[in-house]
C-alpha atoms as a PDB file:
ATOM      1  CA  GLN A   1       6.285 -26.211  20.848  1.00  0.00           C
ATOM      2  CA  LEU A   2       3.141 -26.059  22.909  1.00  0.00           C
ATOM      3  CA  GLN A   3       2.816 -27.066  26.568  1.00  0.00           C
ATOM      4  CA  ALA A   4      -0.635 -27.399  28.114  1.00  0.00           C
ATOM      5  CA  CYS A   5      -1.320 -27.578  31.758  1.00  0.00           C
ATOM      6  CA  GLY A   6      -4.057 -26.980  34.313  1.00  0.00           C
ATOM      7  CA  GLY A   7      -6.156 -30.126  34.091  1.00  0.00           C
ATOM      8  CA  GLY A   8      -7.334 -32.010  37.094  1.00  0.00           C
ATOM      9  CA  LEU A   9     -10.202 -33.675  38.908  1.00  0.00           C
ATOM     10  CA  VAL A  10     -13.163 -31.497  39.794  1.00  0.00           C
ATOM     11  CA  GLN A  11     -16.749 -31.891  40.707  1.00  0.00           C
ATOM     12  CA  ALA A  12     -19.630 -31.018  38.431  1.00  0.00           C
ATOM     13  CA  GLY A  13     -20.340 -27.343  38.587  1.00  0.00           C
ATOM     14  CA  ALA A  14     -16.808 -26.337  39.354  1.00  0.00           C
ATOM     15  CA  SER A  15     -14.446 -24.193  37.324  1.00  0.00           C
ATOM     16  CA  LEU A  16     -11.084 -24.874  35.927  1.00  0.00           C
ATOM     17  CA  THR A  17      -8.586 -22.894  33.833  1.00  0.00           C
ATOM     18  CA  LEU A  18      -6.334 -24.483  31.263  1.00  0.00           C
ATOM     19  CA  SER A  19      -3.200 -22.786  30.051  1.00  0.00           C
ATOM     20  CA  CYS A  20      -0.958 -23.412  27.087  1.00  0.00           C
ATOM     21  CA  ALA A  21       2.479 -21.866  26.685  1.00  0.00           C
ATOM     22  CA  ALA A  22       4.059 -21.576  23.247  1.00  0.00           C
ATOM     23  CA  SER A  23       7.681 -21.283  22.411  1.00  0.00           C
ATOM     24  CA  GLY A  24       8.924 -19.497  19.335  1.00  0.00           C
ATOM     25  CA  ARG A  25       8.771 -15.949  18.025  1.00  0.00           C
ATOM     26  CA  THR A  26       5.805 -16.367  15.661  1.00  0.00           C
ATOM     27  CA  PHE A  27       3.117 -17.168  18.229  1.00  0.00           C
ATOM     28  CA  SER A  28       1.301 -13.854  17.575  1.00  0.00           C
ATOM     29  CA  SER A  29       0.781 -14.847  13.905  1.00  0.00           C
ATOM     30  CA  HIS A  30      -0.965 -18.128  14.711  1.00  0.00           C
ATOM     31  CA  THR A  31      -4.618 -18.842  15.259  1.00  0.00           C
ATOM     32  CA  MET A  32      -4.906 -20.928  18.467  1.00  0.00           C
ATOM     33  CA  ALA A  33      -7.476 -23.496  19.434  1.00  0.00           C
ATOM     34  CA  TRP A  34      -8.466 -25.994  22.051  1.00  0.00           C
ATOM     35  CA  PHE A  35      -9.643 -29.437  21.121  1.00  0.00           C
ATOM     36  CA  ARG A  36     -10.638 -32.275  23.371  1.00  0.00           C
ATOM     37  CA  GLN A  37     -10.861 -35.972  23.163  1.00  0.00           C
ATOM     38  CA  ALA A  38     -13.043 -38.077  25.436  1.00  0.00           C
ATOM     39  CA  PRO A  39     -12.468 -41.792  25.852  1.00  0.00           C
ATOM     40  CA  GLY A  40     -13.507 -43.710  22.820  1.00  0.00           C
ATOM     41  CA  LYS A  41     -14.449 -40.561  20.886  1.00  0.00           C
ATOM     42  CA  GLU A  42     -12.924 -38.488  18.128  1.00  0.00           C
ATOM     43  CA  ARG A  43     -11.007 -35.376  18.963  1.00  0.00           C
ATOM     44  CA  GLU A  44     -13.340 -32.358  18.688  1.00  0.00           C
ATOM     45  CA  PHE A  45     -13.023 -28.608  18.467  1.00  0.00           C
ATOM     46  CA  VAL A  46     -13.791 -26.692  21.653  1.00  0.00           C
ATOM     47  CA  ALA A  47     -12.712 -23.079  21.125  1.00  0.00           C
ATOM     48  CA  GLY A  48     -10.479 -20.990  18.943  1.00  0.00           C
ATOM     49  CA  ILE A  49      -9.072 -17.451  18.857  1.00  0.00           C
ATOM     50  CA  ARG A  50      -7.583 -15.478  16.024  1.00  0.00           C
ATOM     51  CA  SER A  51      -3.987 -14.359  16.073  1.00  0.00           C
ATOM     52  CA  THR A  52      -4.851 -10.845  17.192  1.00  0.00           C
ATOM     53  CA  GLY A  53      -7.170 -12.078  19.905  1.00  0.00           C
ATOM     54  CA  GLY A  54      -9.986 -10.010  18.550  1.00  0.00           C
ATOM     55  CA  TYR A  55     -12.295 -12.937  17.618  1.00  0.00           C
ATOM     56  CA  THR A  56     -13.170 -16.116  19.401  1.00  0.00           C
ATOM     57  CA  TYR A  57     -15.360 -19.017  18.341  1.00  0.00           C
ATOM     58  CA  TYR A  58     -16.821 -21.745  20.509  1.00  0.00           C
ATOM     59  CA  ALA A  59     -18.393 -25.086  20.010  1.00  0.00           C
ATOM     60  CA  GLU A  60     -22.107 -24.903  20.720  1.00  0.00           C
ATOM     61  CA  SER A  61     -21.791 -27.293  23.645  1.00  0.00           C
ATOM     62  CA  VAL A  62     -19.510 -24.917  25.568  1.00  0.00           C
ATOM     63  CA  LYS A  63     -20.765 -21.527  24.472  1.00  0.00           C
ATOM     64  CA  GLY A  64     -21.499 -19.348  27.465  1.00  0.00           C
ATOM     65  CA  ARG A  65     -19.504 -21.487  29.845  1.00  0.00           C
ATOM     66  CA  PHE A  66     -15.974 -21.552  28.409  1.00  0.00           C
ATOM     67  CA  THR A  67     -13.892 -18.444  27.624  1.00  0.00           C
ATOM     68  CA  MET A  68     -10.713 -18.460  25.596  1.00  0.00           C
ATOM     69  CA  SER A  69      -8.146 -15.744  25.738  1.00  0.00           C
ATOM     70  CA  ARG A  70      -4.532 -15.133  24.639  1.00  0.00           C
ATOM     71  CA  ASP A  71      -1.571 -13.070  25.675  1.00  0.00           C
ATOM     72  CA  ASN A  72       0.728 -12.343  22.745  1.00  0.00           C
ATOM     73  CA  VAL A  73       3.334 -10.900  25.013  1.00  0.00           C
ATOM     74  CA  LYS A  74       3.548 -13.927  27.294  1.00  0.00           C
ATOM     75  CA  ASN A  75       2.870 -16.367  24.410  1.00  0.00           C
ATOM     76  CA  THR A  76       0.111 -18.054  26.220  1.00  0.00           C
ATOM     77  CA  VAL A  77      -3.529 -19.043  25.673  1.00  0.00           C
ATOM     78  CA  SER A  78      -6.016 -19.909  28.350  1.00  0.00           C
ATOM     79  CA  LEU A  79      -9.393 -21.666  28.503  1.00  0.00           C
ATOM     80  CA  GLN A  80     -11.583 -20.678  31.424  1.00  0.00           C
ATOM     81  CA  MET A  81     -14.121 -23.423  31.986  1.00  0.00           C
ATOM     82  CA  ASN A  82     -17.138 -22.747  34.187  1.00  0.00           C
ATOM     83  CA  SER A  83     -20.088 -24.949  35.192  1.00  0.00           C
ATOM     84  CA  LEU A  84     -18.239 -28.083  34.225  1.00  0.00           C
ATOM     85  CA  LYS A  85     -20.215 -31.163  33.473  1.00  0.00           C
ATOM     86  CA  PRO A  86     -19.240 -34.879  33.548  1.00  0.00           C
ATOM     87  CA  GLU A  87     -19.481 -34.898  29.782  1.00  0.00           C
ATOM     88  CA  ASN A  88     -16.666 -32.400  29.624  1.00  0.00           C
ATOM     89  CA  THR A  89     -14.253 -35.064  30.851  1.00  0.00           C
ATOM     90  CA  ALA A  90     -11.618 -35.427  28.219  1.00  0.00           C
ATOM     91  CA  VAL A  91      -7.951 -34.772  27.364  1.00  0.00           C
ATOM     92  CA  TYR A  92      -7.762 -31.199  26.280  1.00  0.00           C
ATOM     93  CA  TYR A  93      -5.232 -30.187  23.623  1.00  0.00           C
ATOM     94  CA  CYS A  94      -4.050 -26.780  22.514  1.00  0.00           C
ATOM     95  CA  ALA A  95      -3.216 -26.340  18.884  1.00  0.00           C
ATOM     96  CA  ALA A  96      -1.727 -23.685  16.668  1.00  0.00           C
ATOM     97  CA  GLY A  97      -2.164 -23.002  12.984  1.00  0.00           C
ATOM     98  CA  ARG A  98      -0.905 -20.314  10.678  1.00  0.00           C
ATOM     99  CA  ILE A  99      -4.384 -19.687   9.365  1.00  0.00           C
ATOM    100  CA  PRO A 100      -6.281 -16.398   9.222  1.00  0.00           C
ATOM    101  CA  LEU A 101      -9.522 -17.601  10.690  1.00  0.00           C
ATOM    102  CA  VAL A 102     -10.610 -19.963  13.464  1.00  0.00           C
ATOM    103  CA  GLU A 103     -11.324 -23.371  11.926  1.00  0.00           C
ATOM    104  CA  THR A 104     -12.818 -26.375  13.578  1.00  0.00           C
ATOM    105  CA  THR A 105     -10.930 -29.032  11.459  1.00  0.00           C
ATOM    106  CA  ARG A 106      -8.014 -30.650  13.245  1.00  0.00           C
ATOM    107  CA  SER A 107      -5.846 -30.866  10.082  1.00  0.00           C
ATOM    108  CA  ARG A 108      -5.757 -27.116   9.790  1.00  0.00           C
ATOM    109  CA  TYR A 109      -3.635 -26.888  12.919  1.00  0.00           C
ATOM    110  CA  ALA A 110      -0.006 -27.886  12.399  1.00  0.00           C
ATOM    111  CA  TYR A 111       1.173 -27.742  15.995  1.00  0.00           C
ATOM    112  CA  TRP A 112      -0.157 -29.592  18.997  1.00  0.00           C
ATOM    113  CA  GLY A 113       0.495 -29.718  22.724  1.00  0.00           C
ATOM    114  CA  GLN A 114       0.689 -32.925  24.674  1.00  0.00           C
ATOM    115  CA  GLY A 115      -2.770 -32.626  26.223  1.00  0.00           C
ATOM    116  CA  THR A 116      -3.985 -32.216  29.766  1.00  0.00           C
ATOM    117  CA  LEU A 117      -6.619 -34.417  31.389  1.00  0.00           C
ATOM    118  CA  VAL A 118      -9.799 -32.881  32.772  1.00  0.00           C
ATOM    119  CA  THR A 119     -12.016 -35.184  34.852  1.00  0.00           C
ATOM    120  CA  VAL A 120     -15.399 -33.965  36.051  1.00  0.00           C
ATOM    121  CA  SER A 121     -17.084 -36.136  38.623  1.00  0.00           C
ATOM    122  CA  SER A 122     -20.886 -36.141  39.137  1.00  0.00           C
END
């Protein structure tokens, strides 16, 4: 089970950190990812991190501004978002998949959190 939190309303240029807590003893064997879904749009990949935490991959639109990390002791992942833009407004979802590499396809992730809303005002 995944529980995401940390969303909120911020102004453009601000920072926000999302967190996702996972239950279960196999967290460290799962690749984790963040996806987002803006109103009227498809859910899209944002960032992912391999099970060991040694490799991260980002969507081009967030590269250099967002940083994903994980703590395999606390069973958590985080998404540090800097320099937020109004177009980053979306519901952000954390996802887990028992896959060896970070993948950008939603269907590769078997477990999903409930989503947390991020609203960036201009």
